All heavy atoms as atom14 arrays in JSON, in Angstrom:
{
  "sequence": "LYAKEHPIQRKLNWRPISFYKQILELPNVTLIHPEVTN",
  "atom14_mask": [
    [1, 1, 1, 1, 1, 1, 1, 1, 0, 0, 0, 0, 0, 0],
    [1, 1, 1, 1, 1, 1, 1, 1, 1, 1, 1, 1, 0, 0],
    [1, 1, 1, 1, 1, 0, 0, 0, 0, 0, 0, 0, 0, 0],
    [1, 1, 1, 1, 1, 1, 1, 1, 1, 0, 0, 0, 0, 0],
    [1, 1, 1, 1, 1, 1, 1, 1, 1, 0, 0, 0, 0, 0],
    [1, 1, 1, 1, 1, 1, 1, 1, 1, 1, 0, 0, 0, 0],
    [1, 1, 1, 1, 1, 1, 1, 0, 0, 0, 0, 0, 0, 0],
    [1, 1, 1, 1, 1, 1, 1, 1, 0, 0, 0, 0, 0, 0],
    [1, 1, 1, 1, 1, 1, 1, 1, 1, 0, 0, 0, 0, 0],
    [1, 1, 1, 1, 1, 1, 1, 1, 1, 1, 1, 0, 0, 0],
    [1, 1, 1, 1, 1, 1, 1, 1, 1, 0, 0, 0, 0, 0],
    [1, 1, 1, 1, 1, 1, 1, 1, 0, 0, 0, 0, 0, 0],
    [1, 1, 1, 1, 1, 1, 1, 1, 0, 0, 0, 0, 0, 0],
    [1, 1, 1, 1, 1, 1, 1, 1, 1, 1, 1, 1, 1, 1],
    [1, 1, 1, 1, 1, 1, 1, 1, 1, 1, 1, 0, 0, 0],
    [1, 1, 1, 1, 1, 1, 1, 0, 0, 0, 0, 0, 0, 0],
    [1, 1, 1, 1, 1, 1, 1, 1, 0, 0, 0, 0, 0, 0],
    [1, 1, 1, 1, 1, 1, 0, 0, 0, 0, 0, 0, 0, 0],
    [1, 1, 1, 1, 1, 1, 1, 1, 1, 1, 1, 0, 0, 0],
    [1, 1, 1, 1, 1, 1, 1, 1, 1, 1, 1, 1, 0, 0],
    [1, 1, 1, 1, 1, 1, 1, 1, 1, 0, 0, 0, 0, 0],
    [1, 1, 1, 1, 1, 1, 1, 1, 1, 0, 0, 0, 0, 0],
    [1, 1, 1, 1, 1, 1, 1, 1, 0, 0, 0, 0, 0, 0],
    [1, 1, 1, 1, 1, 1, 1, 1, 0, 0, 0, 0, 0, 0],
    [1, 1, 1, 1, 1, 1, 1, 1, 1, 0, 0, 0, 0, 0],
    [1, 1, 1, 1, 1, 1, 1, 1, 0, 0, 0, 0, 0, 0],
    [1, 1, 1, 1, 1, 1, 1, 0, 0, 0, 0, 0, 0, 0],
    [1, 1, 1, 1, 1, 1, 1, 1, 0, 0, 0, 0, 0, 0],
    [1, 1, 1, 1, 1, 1, 1, 0, 0, 0, 0, 0, 0, 0],
    [1, 1, 1, 1, 1, 1, 1, 0, 0, 0, 0, 0, 0, 0],
    [1, 1, 1, 1, 1, 1, 1, 1, 0, 0, 0, 0, 0, 0],
    [1, 1, 1, 1, 1, 1, 1, 1, 0, 0, 0, 0, 0, 0],
    [1, 1, 1, 1, 1, 1, 1, 1, 1, 1, 0, 0, 0, 0],
    [1, 1, 1, 1, 1, 1, 1, 0, 0, 0, 0, 0, 0, 0],
    [1, 1, 1, 1, 1, 1, 1, 1, 1, 0, 0, 0, 0, 0],
    [1, 1, 1, 1, 1, 1, 1, 0, 0, 0, 0, 0, 0, 0],
    [1, 1, 1, 1, 1, 1, 1, 0, 0, 0, 0, 0, 0, 0],
    [1, 1, 1, 1, 1, 1, 1, 1, 0, 0, 0, 0, 0, 0]
  ],
  "atom14_positions": [
    [[-10.57, 3.1, -11.12], [-10.24, 2.14, -12.09], [-9.04, 1.3, -11.64], [-8.04, 1.87, -11.25], [-9.85, 2.78, -13.44], [-9.59, 1.83, -14.56], [-10.71, 0.9, -14.87], [-9.03, 2.56, -15.78], [0.0, 0.0, 0.0], [0.0, 0.0, 0.0], [0.0, 0.0, 0.0], [0.0, 0.0, 0.0], [0.0, 0.0, 0.0], [0.0, 0.0, 0.0]],
    [[-9.23, 0.0, -11.51], [-8.18, -0.95, -11.25], [-7.71, -1.51, -12.58], [-8.42, -2.22, -13.25], [-8.61, -2.05, -10.32], [-8.71, -1.78, -8.87], [-8.47, -0.45, -8.39], [-8.95, -2.71, -7.95], [-8.52, -0.23, -6.98], [-9.03, -2.54, -6.56], [-8.78, -1.23, -6.1], [-8.89, -0.99, -4.78], [0.0, 0.0, 0.0], [0.0, 0.0, 0.0]],
    [[-6.51, -1.23, -12.95], [-5.88, -1.76, -14.15], [-4.87, -2.81, -13.73], [-4.0, -2.52, -12.92], [-5.19, -0.74, -14.98], [0.0, 0.0, 0.0], [0.0, 0.0, 0.0], [0.0, 0.0, 0.0], [0.0, 0.0, 0.0], [0.0, 0.0, 0.0], [0.0, 0.0, 0.0], [0.0, 0.0, 0.0], [0.0, 0.0, 0.0], [0.0, 0.0, 0.0]],
    [[-4.99, -4.05, -14.25], [-4.13, -5.12, -13.78], [-3.18, -5.63, -14.89], [-3.65, -5.93, -15.95], [-4.95, -6.31, -13.32], [-4.08, -7.42, -12.77], [-4.91, -8.7, -12.57], [-3.96, -9.9, -12.34], [-4.28, -11.04, -13.03], [0.0, 0.0, 0.0], [0.0, 0.0, 0.0], [0.0, 0.0, 0.0], [0.0, 0.0, 0.0], [0.0, 0.0, 0.0]],
    [[-1.94, -5.75, -14.56], [-1.01, -6.28, -15.52], [-1.3, -7.77, -15.75], [-1.61, -8.46, -14.79], [0.49, -6.04, -15.01], [1.5, -6.7, -15.9], [1.53, -6.2, -17.35], [0.66, -6.6, -18.12], [2.42, -5.42, -17.72], [0.0, 0.0, 0.0], [0.0, 0.0, 0.0], [0.0, 0.0, 0.0], [0.0, 0.0, 0.0], [0.0, 0.0, 0.0]],
    [[-1.08, -8.22, -16.99], [-1.35, -9.55, -17.34], [-0.17, -10.43, -16.85], [0.96, -10.13, -17.15], [-1.49, -9.7, -18.89], [-2.1, -10.94, -19.28], [-1.57, -12.2, -19.09], [-3.3, -11.19, -19.89], [-2.35, -13.14, -19.61], [-3.44, -12.48, -20.13], [0.0, 0.0, 0.0], [0.0, 0.0, 0.0], [0.0, 0.0, 0.0], [0.0, 0.0, 0.0]],
    [[-0.48, -11.51, -16.11], [0.7, -12.29, -15.52], [1.53, -12.95, -16.61], [2.78, -13.15, -16.35], [0.01, -13.37, -14.64], [-1.45, -13.33, -15.08], [-1.78, -12.03, -15.73], [0.0, 0.0, 0.0], [0.0, 0.0, 0.0], [0.0, 0.0, 0.0], [0.0, 0.0, 0.0], [0.0, 0.0, 0.0], [0.0, 0.0, 0.0], [0.0, 0.0, 0.0]],
    [[1.04, -13.2, -17.78], [1.84, -13.81, -18.84], [2.81, -12.81, -19.52], [3.73, -13.21, -20.16], [0.91, -14.51, -19.9], [0.0, -15.52, -19.23], [1.74, -15.16, -20.99], [0.68, -16.65, -18.55], [0.0, 0.0, 0.0], [0.0, 0.0, 0.0], [0.0, 0.0, 0.0], [0.0, 0.0, 0.0], [0.0, 0.0, 0.0], [0.0, 0.0, 0.0]],
    [[2.5, -11.52, -19.29], [3.42, -10.54, -19.81], [4.9, -10.78, -19.39], [5.8, -10.46, -20.13], [2.98, -9.1, -19.46], [3.71, -8.05, -20.16], [3.42, -7.98, -21.69], [2.29, -8.14, -22.11], [4.46, -7.84, -22.48], [0.0, 0.0, 0.0], [0.0, 0.0, 0.0], [0.0, 0.0, 0.0], [0.0, 0.0, 0.0], [0.0, 0.0, 0.0]],
    [[5.1, -11.4, -18.26], [6.42, -11.73, -17.73], [7.18, -12.56, -18.76], [8.33, -12.32, -19.03], [6.32, -12.47, -16.43], [7.58, -13.11, -15.98], [7.35, -13.92, -14.76], [7.12, -12.98, -13.69], [7.52, -13.15, -12.39], [8.14, -14.26, -12.04], [7.31, -12.26, -11.51], [0.0, 0.0, 0.0], [0.0, 0.0, 0.0], [0.0, 0.0, 0.0]],
    [[6.49, -13.59, -19.37], [7.11, -14.45, -20.32], [7.55, -13.68, -21.62], [8.46, -14.1, -22.35], [6.26, -15.61, -20.66], [6.06, -16.51, -19.48], [5.27, -17.79, -19.92], [4.8, -18.59, -18.77], [5.81, -19.23, -17.97], [0.0, 0.0, 0.0], [0.0, 0.0, 0.0], [0.0, 0.0, 0.0], [0.0, 0.0, 0.0], [0.0, 0.0, 0.0]],
    [[6.91, -12.59, -21.85], [7.13, -11.83, -23.13], [8.03, -10.6, -22.8], [8.28, -9.76, -23.62], [5.85, -11.31, -23.7], [4.83, -12.32, -24.14], [3.55, -11.7, -24.63], [5.43, -13.19, -25.26], [0.0, 0.0, 0.0], [0.0, 0.0, 0.0], [0.0, 0.0, 0.0], [0.0, 0.0, 0.0], [0.0, 0.0, 0.0], [0.0, 0.0, 0.0]],
    [[8.5, -10.6, -21.55], [9.3, -9.44, -20.93], [8.29, -8.43, -20.49], [7.36, -8.07, -21.21], [10.34, -8.9, -21.86], [11.45, -9.85, -22.19], [11.85, -10.59, -21.27], [11.93, -9.88, -23.41], [0.0, 0.0, 0.0], [0.0, 0.0, 0.0], [0.0, 0.0, 0.0], [0.0, 0.0, 0.0], [0.0, 0.0, 0.0], [0.0, 0.0, 0.0]],
    [[8.48, -7.98, -19.31], [7.65, -6.91, -18.74], [7.68, -5.67, -19.69], [8.67, -5.46, -20.44], [8.08, -6.49, -17.39], [7.91, -7.6, -16.36], [8.93, -8.2, -15.6], [6.68, -8.2, -15.91], [8.38, -9.14, -14.71], [7.02, -9.21, -14.91], [5.36, -8.1, -16.19], [6.04, -9.97, -14.22], [4.4, -8.88, -15.61], [4.78, -9.78, -14.63]],
    [[6.69, -4.92, -19.61], [6.66, -3.67, -20.35], [7.74, -2.75, -19.8], [8.15, -2.87, -18.6], [5.3, -3.01, -20.29], [4.25, -3.92, -20.83], [2.88, -3.3, -20.38], [1.86, -4.37, -20.2], [0.96, -4.76, -21.1], [0.9, -4.26, -22.32], [0.13, -5.73, -20.73], [0.0, 0.0, 0.0], [0.0, 0.0, 0.0], [0.0, 0.0, 0.0]],
    [[8.12, -1.66, -20.54], [9.07, -0.72, -19.91], [8.55, -0.08, -18.66], [7.29, 0.18, -18.54], [9.23, 0.35, -21.01], [8.71, -0.29, -22.27], [7.73, -1.35, -21.83], [0.0, 0.0, 0.0], [0.0, 0.0, 0.0], [0.0, 0.0, 0.0], [0.0, 0.0, 0.0], [0.0, 0.0, 0.0], [0.0, 0.0, 0.0], [0.0, 0.0, 0.0]],
    [[9.41, 0.27, -17.72], [8.96, 0.94, -16.55], [8.21, 2.2, -16.82], [7.27, 2.52, -16.11], [10.17, 1.13, -15.53], [10.7, -0.26, -15.04], [9.86, 2.08, -14.41], [11.98, -0.12, -14.23], [0.0, 0.0, 0.0], [0.0, 0.0, 0.0], [0.0, 0.0, 0.0], [0.0, 0.0, 0.0], [0.0, 0.0, 0.0], [0.0, 0.0, 0.0]],
    [[8.6, 2.87, -17.85], [7.91, 4.11, -18.21], [6.43, 3.87, -18.46], [5.61, 4.75, -18.21], [8.57, 4.8, -19.45], [8.52, 3.88, -20.55], [0.0, 0.0, 0.0], [0.0, 0.0, 0.0], [0.0, 0.0, 0.0], [0.0, 0.0, 0.0], [0.0, 0.0, 0.0], [0.0, 0.0, 0.0], [0.0, 0.0, 0.0], [0.0, 0.0, 0.0]],
    [[6.01, 2.72, -19.01], [4.65, 2.38, -19.28], [3.86, 2.39, -17.89], [2.82, 2.97, -17.73], [4.56, 1.01, -19.98], [3.18, 0.5, -20.17], [2.52, 0.83, -21.35], [2.52, -0.25, -19.21], [1.26, 0.31, -21.55], [1.26, -0.75, -19.45], [0.58, -0.45, -20.62], [0.0, 0.0, 0.0], [0.0, 0.0, 0.0], [0.0, 0.0, 0.0]],
    [[4.47, 1.67, -17.01], [3.78, 1.56, -15.61], [3.74, 2.9, -14.92], [2.74, 3.27, -14.29], [4.52, 0.55, -14.77], [4.54, -0.8, -15.35], [5.75, -1.44, -15.68], [3.39, -1.52, -15.61], [5.83, -2.67, -16.29], [3.43, -2.83, -16.17], [4.64, -3.4, -16.48], [4.67, -4.64, -17.07], [0.0, 0.0, 0.0], [0.0, 0.0, 0.0]],
    [[4.85, 3.66, -15.04], [4.86, 5.03, -14.44], [3.74, 5.93, -14.99], [3.14, 6.71, -14.28], [6.19, 5.71, -14.57], [7.3, 5.05, -13.71], [8.62, 5.84, -13.87], [9.62, 5.34, -12.91], [10.97, 6.05, -13.07], [0.0, 0.0, 0.0], [0.0, 0.0, 0.0], [0.0, 0.0, 0.0], [0.0, 0.0, 0.0], [0.0, 0.0, 0.0]],
    [[3.54, 5.85, -16.33], [2.45, 6.71, -16.9], [1.06, 6.4, -16.32], [0.3, 7.26, -16.04], [2.4, 6.46, -18.44], [3.53, 7.13, -19.18], [3.38, 6.92, -20.64], [2.41, 7.39, -21.26], [4.32, 6.19, -21.21], [0.0, 0.0, 0.0], [0.0, 0.0, 0.0], [0.0, 0.0, 0.0], [0.0, 0.0, 0.0], [0.0, 0.0, 0.0]],
    [[0.86, 5.08, -16.07], [-0.42, 4.64, -15.51], [-0.54, 5.04, -14.06], [-1.52, 5.57, -13.48], [-0.63, 3.13, -15.65], [-0.72, 2.8, -17.2], [-1.85, 2.65, -14.9], [-0.78, 1.29, -17.44], [0.0, 0.0, 0.0], [0.0, 0.0, 0.0], [0.0, 0.0, 0.0], [0.0, 0.0, 0.0], [0.0, 0.0, 0.0], [0.0, 0.0, 0.0]],
    [[0.56, 4.85, -13.31], [0.57, 5.26, -11.9], [0.37, 6.72, -11.73], [-0.16, 7.17, -10.64], [1.92, 4.78, -11.28], [2.11, 3.32, -11.03], [3.52, 2.99, -10.67], [1.14, 2.79, -9.98], [0.0, 0.0, 0.0], [0.0, 0.0, 0.0], [0.0, 0.0, 0.0], [0.0, 0.0, 0.0], [0.0, 0.0, 0.0], [0.0, 0.0, 0.0]],
    [[0.69, 7.56, -12.64], [0.54, 9.0, -12.53], [-0.91, 9.49, -12.84], [-1.29, 10.62, -12.52], [1.49, 9.71, -13.46], [2.93, 9.56, -13.02], [3.96, 10.12, -14.06], [3.52, 10.63, -15.1], [5.14, 10.06, -13.76], [0.0, 0.0, 0.0], [0.0, 0.0, 0.0], [0.0, 0.0, 0.0], [0.0, 0.0, 0.0], [0.0, 0.0, 0.0]],
    [[-1.69, 8.55, -13.41], [-3.11, 8.97, -13.76], [-3.97, 9.1, -12.51], [-3.95, 8.16, -11.59], [-3.64, 7.9, -14.7], [-3.03, 7.8, -16.05], [-3.59, 6.6, -16.84], [-3.19, 9.06, -16.84], [0.0, 0.0, 0.0], [0.0, 0.0, 0.0], [0.0, 0.0, 0.0], [0.0, 0.0, 0.0], [0.0, 0.0, 0.0], [0.0, 0.0, 0.0]],
    [[-4.76, 10.2, -12.42], [-5.69, 10.25, -11.32], [-6.76, 9.16, -11.46], [-7.24, 8.83, -12.56], [-6.23, 11.62, -11.42], [-5.96, 12.1, -12.86], [-4.8, 11.26, -13.31], [0.0, 0.0, 0.0], [0.0, 0.0, 0.0], [0.0, 0.0, 0.0], [0.0, 0.0, 0.0], [0.0, 0.0, 0.0], [0.0, 0.0, 0.0], [0.0, 0.0, 0.0]],
    [[-7.22, 8.65, -10.31], [-8.36, 7.73, -10.28], [-8.07, 6.38, -10.77], [-8.93, 5.62, -11.17], [-9.58, 8.33, -11.05], [-10.84, 7.94, -10.52], [-11.03, 7.59, -9.31], [-11.87, 7.86, -11.38], [0.0, 0.0, 0.0], [0.0, 0.0, 0.0], [0.0, 0.0, 0.0], [0.0, 0.0, 0.0], [0.0, 0.0, 0.0], [0.0, 0.0, 0.0]],
    [[-6.7, 6.03, -10.94], [-6.36, 4.72, -11.51], [-5.35, 4.1, -10.52], [-4.38, 4.76, -10.04], [-5.68, 4.89, -12.89], [-5.21, 3.54, -13.43], [-6.62, 5.51, -13.95], [0.0, 0.0, 0.0], [0.0, 0.0, 0.0], [0.0, 0.0, 0.0], [0.0, 0.0, 0.0], [0.0, 0.0, 0.0], [0.0, 0.0, 0.0], [0.0, 0.0, 0.0]],
    [[-5.57, 2.77, -10.26], [-4.67, 2.05, -9.44], [-4.12, 0.88, -10.29], [-4.95, 0.17, -10.85], [-5.42, 1.52, -8.14], [-5.91, 2.63, -7.41], [-4.49, 0.7, -7.31], [0.0, 0.0, 0.0], [0.0, 0.0, 0.0], [0.0, 0.0, 0.0], [0.0, 0.0, 0.0], [0.0, 0.0, 0.0], [0.0, 0.0, 0.0], [0.0, 0.0, 0.0]],
    [[-2.93, 0.68, -10.29], [-2.3, -0.42, -10.98], [-2.07, -1.65, -10.05], [-1.57, -1.56, -8.98], [-0.93, -0.04, -11.53], [-0.32, -0.79, -12.7], [-1.31, -0.98, -13.84], [0.93, -0.07, -13.23], [0.0, 0.0, 0.0], [0.0, 0.0, 0.0], [0.0, 0.0, 0.0], [0.0, 0.0, 0.0], [0.0, 0.0, 0.0], [0.0, 0.0, 0.0]],
    [[-2.68, -2.78, -10.53], [-2.77, -4.01, -9.66], [-1.69, -4.97, -10.05], [-1.46, -5.17, -11.26], [-4.13, -4.63, -9.86], [-5.28, -3.62, -9.47], [-4.25, -5.89, -9.05], [-5.28, -3.15, -8.0], [0.0, 0.0, 0.0], [0.0, 0.0, 0.0], [0.0, 0.0, 0.0], [0.0, 0.0, 0.0], [0.0, 0.0, 0.0], [0.0, 0.0, 0.0]],
    [[-1.08, -5.56, -9.08], [-0.08, -6.56, -9.33], [-0.52, -7.79, -10.04], [-1.69, -8.15, -9.75], [0.59, -6.93, -7.91], [1.85, -7.67, -8.0], [1.98, -9.03, -8.33], [3.14, -7.22, -7.79], [3.2, -9.34, -8.3], [3.91, -8.24, -8.01], [0.0, 0.0, 0.0], [0.0, 0.0, 0.0], [0.0, 0.0, 0.0], [0.0, 0.0, 0.0]],
    [[0.18, -8.43, -10.92], [-0.27, -9.55, -11.68], [-0.57, -10.79, -10.78], [-1.22, -11.72, -11.24], [0.83, -9.9, -12.66], [2.01, -9.14, -12.19], [1.54, -7.96, -11.33], [0.0, 0.0, 0.0], [0.0, 0.0, 0.0], [0.0, 0.0, 0.0], [0.0, 0.0, 0.0], [0.0, 0.0, 0.0], [0.0, 0.0, 0.0], [0.0, 0.0, 0.0]],
    [[-0.07, -10.86, -9.55], [-0.4, -11.99, -8.65], [-1.85, -11.98, -8.14], [-2.33, -13.01, -7.7], [0.59, -12.03, -7.53], [1.99, -12.4, -7.93], [2.93, -12.36, -6.77], [2.54, -11.95, -5.6], [4.12, -12.65, -6.96], [0.0, 0.0, 0.0], [0.0, 0.0, 0.0], [0.0, 0.0, 0.0], [0.0, 0.0, 0.0], [0.0, 0.0, 0.0]],
    [[-2.48, -10.82, -8.15], [-3.87, -10.68, -7.75], [-4.68, -11.46, -8.86], [-4.56, -11.17, -10.02], [-4.38, -9.25, -7.62], [-5.86, -9.23, -7.18], [-3.48, -8.5, -6.54], [0.0, 0.0, 0.0], [0.0, 0.0, 0.0], [0.0, 0.0, 0.0], [0.0, 0.0, 0.0], [0.0, 0.0, 0.0], [0.0, 0.0, 0.0], [0.0, 0.0, 0.0]],
    [[-5.58, -12.34, -8.43], [-6.29, -13.18, -9.4], [-7.43, -12.37, -10.12], [-8.01, -11.48, -9.5], [-6.92, -14.39, -8.82], [-7.93, -14.01, -7.89], [-5.88, -15.28, -8.07], [0.0, 0.0, 0.0], [0.0, 0.0, 0.0], [0.0, 0.0, 0.0], [0.0, 0.0, 0.0], [0.0, 0.0, 0.0], [0.0, 0.0, 0.0], [0.0, 0.0, 0.0]],
    [[-7.65, -12.72, -11.4], [-8.77, -12.13, -12.1], [-10.04, -12.51, -11.39], [-10.97, -11.67, -11.33], [-8.81, -12.73, -13.53], [-7.72, -12.13, -14.42], [-7.19, -11.08, -14.13], [-7.25, -12.89, -15.39], [0.0, 0.0, 0.0], [0.0, 0.0, 0.0], [0.0, 0.0, 0.0], [0.0, 0.0, 0.0], [0.0, 0.0, 0.0], [0.0, 0.0, 0.0]]
  ]
}
């Protein structure tokens, strides 16, 4: 599973780092940078 952060989330302030860490710890999941295009 590729889960990608929404690029507009930056304008609303990024989510807490703990949010991203929880996703990064999940097996079979890769967190994708918001610069990668939809």
